[in-house]
Amino acid sequence: MKKLVSIVFTYLLITSCSKDNDDVATQVNTTFNFTHNWDGTSVSNTDFNTIQYTNANGEQLSITKLRYLISKITFQKSNGEKTILDGYHLIDVTNNSNLEFISTSTIPSGNYSNVYFTFGFDNDANYNNYQDLNSASWSVPAMLGGGYHFMQLEGKFIDNTTTETGYTYHTIKAVDNSKTPQKFQDTFFKVDLGAVTITNNATFNIEMNIAEWFKTPNTWDLNALNNILMPNFNAQVMMFENGQNVFSLKSVTQ
């Protein structure tokens, strides 16, 4: 009888230890690669400065500048536990730089119900003083509420007089200077990449469909909205709405 009890105890100890080992997460590294397309056609800075794209409103256009900010990459488990990567990342497609973000922090392997990042800065981060962003001419004038840009998208389009005209599609926190005090509306947004199981060092391949900035739910009329958009409260809200469909997760490689 004692021998049987000893065998059972040993079995339970082994299986318990095995289960504990299975539950122990390892620390892994994460990388985020950002690529860009126009409704499926790849876009890089070698494609800039040529009028070759057509938006949902039928206007032909080019891209001469594209850079944007992401922050607070977050890994969330089903129990609500979050791991947030430090820092922010200014992606500069124009100069073909910073298209890859390699985190200096590791995360535990395991199942994550949501992986997401913030487009731009949330309010807690937006009004800090970032010397590198200041040097990159990324700040927003105080008269427009201060803080920082979320995106600068620029180019030229053929207007309704067949003239090549410039556009500046810049996104910031929406501000209405016609109100006293100023009226603000948040326009940063969360990009949810969905559920991911991470077993090893992981690379997230994320796509931006640039065409979506002009498409859904607001069909963008560049003849009406091409410049001086930063102080245009309604235009900033429309940009925020269109941005919800811009990013997608192409793949995760491990």
Protein backbone atom coordinates (compact mmCIF):
# COMPACT_ATOMS: atom_id res chain seq x y z
CA MET A 1 0.00 0.00 0.00
CA LYS A 2 2.82 2.37 0.91
CA LYS A 3 4.52 1.56 -2.39
CA LEU A 4 1.30 2.41 -4.30
CA VAL A 5 0.94 5.73 -2.47
CA SER A 6 4.57 6.53 -3.25
CA ILE A 7 4.06 5.80 -6.95
CA VAL A 8 0.92 7.98 -7.11
CA PHE A 9 2.66 10.82 -5.27
CA THR A 10 5.64 10.65 -7.62
CA TYR A 11 3.32 10.68 -10.65
CA LEU A 12 1.42 13.70 -9.36
CA LEU A 13 4.67 15.53 -8.61
CA ILE A 14 6.03 14.88 -12.10
CA THR A 15 2.83 15.93 -13.88
CA SER A 16 2.53 18.98 -11.65
CA CYS A 17 6.10 20.04 -12.43
CA SER A 18 5.47 19.42 -16.11
CA LYS A 19 2.37 21.58 -16.04
CA ASP A 20 4.24 24.33 -14.20
CA ASN A 21 6.98 24.28 -16.83
CA ASP A 22 4.39 24.53 -19.61
CA ASP A 23 2.86 27.57 -17.94
CA VAL A 24 6.14 29.45 -17.54
CA ALA A 25 6.40 32.12 -20.25
CA THR A 26 9.69 32.94 -21.92
CA GLN A 27 10.71 36.47 -22.77
CA VAL A 28 10.67 37.22 -26.50
CA ASN A 29 11.53 40.12 -28.78
CA THR A 30 9.08 41.86 -31.10
CA THR A 31 9.59 43.74 -34.35
CA PHE A 32 7.04 45.78 -36.28
CA ASN A 33 7.47 46.26 -40.04
CA PHE A 34 5.35 48.86 -41.81
CA THR A 35 4.61 48.62 -45.52
CA HIS A 36 2.35 50.78 -47.65
CA ASN A 37 0.06 50.29 -50.60
CA TRP A 38 -2.63 51.97 -52.65
CA ASP A 39 -5.53 49.52 -52.83
CA GLY A 40 -3.10 46.63 -53.12
CA THR A 41 -0.41 48.27 -55.24
CA SER A 42 2.82 48.60 -53.28
CA VAL A 43 3.96 52.15 -52.49
CA SER A 44 7.45 53.27 -51.49
CA ASN A 45 9.32 56.53 -51.79
CA THR A 46 10.50 55.47 -55.26
CA ASP A 47 6.88 55.90 -56.35
CA PHE A 48 6.64 59.46 -55.02
CA ASN A 49 6.38 62.66 -57.08
CA THR A 50 4.49 61.05 -59.95
CA ILE A 51 0.74 61.53 -60.44
CA GLN A 52 -0.37 57.91 -60.73
CA TYR A 53 -3.04 57.25 -58.10
CA THR A 54 -6.79 57.83 -58.29
CA ASN A 55 -8.80 58.40 -55.12
CA ALA A 56 -12.39 57.39 -54.42
CA ASN A 57 -13.59 60.78 -55.66
CA GLY A 58 -11.93 60.21 -59.05
CA GLU A 59 -9.09 62.70 -58.57
CA GLN A 60 -5.64 61.78 -59.84
CA LEU A 61 -2.85 62.49 -57.40
CA SER A 62 0.73 61.92 -56.34
CA ILE A 63 2.44 61.51 -52.98
CA THR A 64 5.43 63.67 -52.14
CA LYS A 65 5.60 63.16 -48.37
CA LEU A 66 4.31 60.57 -45.93
CA ARG A 67 5.27 60.20 -42.31
CA TYR A 68 3.25 59.29 -39.25
CA LEU A 69 3.54 58.51 -35.57
CA ILE A 70 2.62 55.39 -33.62
CA SER A 71 2.83 54.87 -29.87
CA LYS A 72 1.84 52.60 -26.99
CA ILE A 73 2.12 49.20 -28.67
CA THR A 74 0.11 47.04 -26.27
CA PHE A 75 -0.22 43.29 -25.74
CA GLN A 76 -3.37 42.44 -23.77
CA LYS A 77 -4.40 39.08 -22.34
CA SER A 78 -7.96 37.86 -21.90
CA ASN A 79 -7.82 38.66 -18.17
CA GLY A 80 -7.08 42.31 -18.96
CA GLU A 81 -3.38 42.15 -18.14
CA LYS A 82 -1.39 44.47 -20.41
CA THR A 83 2.22 44.75 -21.51
CA ILE A 84 2.93 48.15 -23.07
CA LEU A 85 6.13 48.74 -25.04
CA ASP A 86 8.01 51.90 -24.17
CA GLY A 87 8.33 54.80 -26.53
CA TYR A 88 6.93 55.98 -29.84
CA HIS A 89 7.98 55.65 -33.46
CA LEU A 90 7.97 58.19 -36.28
CA ILE A 91 7.71 56.31 -39.56
CA ASP A 92 9.16 58.30 -42.46
CA VAL A 93 8.24 56.80 -45.82
CA THR A 94 9.54 59.87 -47.64
CA ASN A 95 13.13 59.13 -46.62
CA ASN A 96 12.64 55.35 -46.45
CA SER A 97 13.61 55.42 -42.77
CA ASN A 98 12.16 54.04 -39.54
CA LEU A 99 9.92 51.62 -41.43
CA GLU A 100 10.89 49.01 -38.86
CA PHE A 101 10.45 49.30 -35.11
CA ILE A 102 12.47 46.85 -33.03
CA SER A 103 11.40 47.06 -29.41
CA THR A 104 14.12 47.32 -26.78
CA SER A 105 11.74 45.66 -24.31
CA THR A 106 10.82 41.99 -24.28
CA ILE A 107 7.36 40.55 -23.64
CA PRO A 108 6.22 37.21 -22.21
CA SER A 109 5.30 34.56 -24.76
CA GLY A 110 1.73 33.31 -24.67
CA ASN A 111 -1.79 33.97 -25.91
CA TYR A 112 -2.86 37.58 -26.36
CA SER A 113 -6.50 38.45 -26.97
CA ASN A 114 -5.56 41.81 -28.48
CA VAL A 115 -2.46 43.46 -29.84
CA TYR A 116 -2.88 47.13 -30.65
CA PHE A 117 -1.11 50.45 -31.00
CA THR A 118 -2.13 54.10 -30.92
CA PHE A 119 -2.06 56.16 -34.10
CA GLY A 120 -0.53 59.41 -32.92
CA PHE A 121 -0.33 60.27 -29.23
CA ASP A 122 -3.05 59.97 -26.62
CA ASN A 123 -3.61 63.01 -24.42
CA ASP A 124 -1.26 61.79 -21.68
CA ALA A 125 1.65 61.69 -24.12
CA ASN A 126 0.79 64.43 -26.62
CA TYR A 127 1.86 67.40 -24.53
CA ASN A 128 5.25 66.19 -23.36
CA ASN A 129 8.37 67.78 -24.82
CA TYR A 130 10.11 65.48 -27.30
CA GLN A 131 13.36 66.94 -28.57
CA ASP A 132 13.65 64.53 -31.51
CA LEU A 133 10.12 65.34 -32.69
CA ASN A 134 10.79 69.05 -32.28
CA SER A 135 13.88 68.67 -34.47
CA ALA A 136 11.76 66.85 -37.05
CA SER A 137 9.36 69.85 -37.24
CA TRP A 138 6.61 67.62 -35.90
CA SER A 139 5.09 69.97 -33.32
CA VAL A 140 1.74 71.73 -33.65
CA PRO A 141 1.51 75.54 -33.14
CA ALA A 142 0.20 76.68 -29.77
CA MET A 143 -2.69 78.50 -31.45
CA LEU A 144 -3.92 75.07 -32.65
CA GLY A 145 -3.61 73.52 -29.21
CA GLY A 146 0.03 72.47 -29.22
CA GLY A 147 1.18 68.90 -29.02
CA TYR A 148 2.28 67.01 -32.10
CA HIS A 149 1.19 65.91 -35.56
CA PHE A 150 -0.11 62.39 -36.01
CA MET A 151 0.52 62.29 -39.76
CA GLN A 152 1.78 64.41 -42.65
CA LEU A 153 0.60 63.24 -46.07
CA GLU A 154 1.32 65.59 -48.96
CA GLY A 155 1.30 65.56 -52.73
CA LYS A 156 -0.25 67.05 -55.83
CA PHE A 157 -3.52 66.40 -57.63
CA ILE A 158 -5.25 67.41 -60.84
CA ASP A 159 -7.98 69.80 -59.78
CA ASN A 160 -11.30 70.50 -61.55
CA THR A 161 -9.59 73.06 -63.78
CA THR A 162 -7.03 70.40 -64.85
CA THR A 163 -4.36 72.28 -62.91
CA GLU A 164 -1.74 70.47 -60.86
CA THR A 165 -2.41 71.63 -57.30
CA GLY A 166 -0.75 70.78 -54.01
CA TYR A 167 -2.53 69.18 -51.06
CA THR A 168 -1.47 68.83 -47.41
CA TYR A 169 -3.37 66.13 -45.53
CA HIS A 170 -2.08 66.67 -41.97
CA THR A 171 -3.75 65.08 -38.96
CA ILE A 172 -3.67 66.56 -35.46
CA LYS A 173 -6.02 66.73 -32.48
CA ALA A 174 -9.15 68.47 -33.78
CA VAL A 175 -9.52 72.07 -32.57
CA ASP A 176 -12.27 74.62 -33.20
CA ASN A 177 -10.87 78.12 -32.73
CA SER A 178 -14.27 79.71 -33.37
CA LYS A 179 -15.33 78.63 -29.88
CA THR A 180 -14.37 80.35 -26.64
CA PRO A 181 -12.76 78.54 -25.01
CA GLN A 182 -11.37 76.42 -27.84
CA LYS A 183 -13.26 73.21 -28.56
CA PHE A 184 -11.14 70.06 -28.85
CA GLN A 185 -11.91 66.53 -29.95
CA ASP A 186 -9.61 63.53 -29.68
CA THR A 187 -8.51 62.16 -33.05
CA PHE A 188 -5.87 59.64 -32.02
CA PHE A 189 -7.18 56.10 -32.39
CA LYS A 190 -6.39 52.53 -31.47
CA VAL A 191 -5.38 50.13 -34.24
CA ASP A 192 -6.39 46.63 -33.14
CA LEU A 193 -4.39 43.86 -34.79
CA GLY A 194 -6.51 41.12 -33.22
CA ALA A 195 -5.60 38.02 -31.23
CA VAL A 196 -2.09 36.57 -31.51
CA THR A 197 -0.33 33.58 -29.96
CA ILE A 198 3.35 34.32 -29.48
CA THR A 199 5.72 31.37 -29.04
CA ASN A 200 9.01 32.91 -30.14
CA ASN A 201 10.56 36.17 -31.28
CA ALA A 202 7.85 37.70 -33.46
CA THR A 203 7.73 40.10 -36.40
CA PHE A 204 4.43 41.87 -37.09
CA ASN A 205 4.00 42.90 -40.72
CA ILE A 206 1.55 45.79 -40.83
CA GLU A 207 0.16 47.45 -43.95
CA MET A 208 -1.21 50.94 -44.48
CA ASN A 209 -3.61 51.32 -47.40
CA ILE A 210 -3.06 55.01 -48.20
CA ALA A 211 -6.15 55.09 -50.43
CA GLU A 212 -8.36 54.55 -47.38
CA TRP A 213 -7.51 58.03 -46.06
CA PHE A 214 -9.62 59.35 -48.96
CA LYS A 215 -12.32 56.72 -49.00
CA THR A 216 -14.34 55.37 -46.06
CA PRO A 217 -16.67 56.54 -44.64
CA ASN A 218 -15.97 59.99 -46.10
CA THR A 219 -15.31 60.25 -49.83
CA TRP A 220 -12.65 62.95 -49.86
CA ASP A 221 -13.03 65.83 -52.31
CA LEU A 222 -9.56 67.30 -52.78
CA ASN A 223 -11.01 70.24 -54.69
CA ALA A 224 -12.80 71.28 -51.51
CA LEU A 225 -10.35 69.99 -48.89
CA ASN A 226 -6.74 70.25 -49.98
CA ASN A 227 -5.01 72.78 -47.74
CA ILE A 228 -5.27 74.57 -44.37
CA LEU A 229 -6.78 71.42 -42.88
CA MET A 230 -5.07 71.60 -39.48
CA PRO A 231 -7.39 74.36 -38.16
CA ASN A 232 -10.41 72.76 -39.89
CA PHE A 233 -12.24 70.98 -37.06
CA ASN A 234 -14.66 69.07 -39.29
CA ALA A 235 -11.90 67.96 -41.66
CA GLN A 236 -9.87 66.58 -38.74
CA VAL A 237 -12.87 64.60 -37.52
CA MET A 238 -13.39 63.21 -41.03
CA MET A 239 -9.72 62.18 -41.19
CA PHE A 240 -10.11 60.42 -37.85
CA GLU A 241 -13.13 58.52 -39.21
CA ASN A 242 -11.35 57.52 -42.41
CA GLY A 243 -8.31 56.36 -40.48
CA GLN A 244 -10.21 53.52 -38.83
CA ASN A 245 -9.85 51.40 -41.98
CA VAL A 246 -6.30 52.28 -42.99
CA PHE A 247 -4.16 49.71 -41.14
CA SER A 248 -4.25 45.92 -41.28
CA LEU A 249 -2.11 43.05 -40.05
CA LYS A 250 -0.65 41.20 -43.03
CA SER A 251 1.15 38.47 -41.10
CA VAL A 252 3.10 37.51 -38.01
CA THR A 253 6.31 35.57 -38.47
CA GLN A 254 7.97 33.69 -35.61
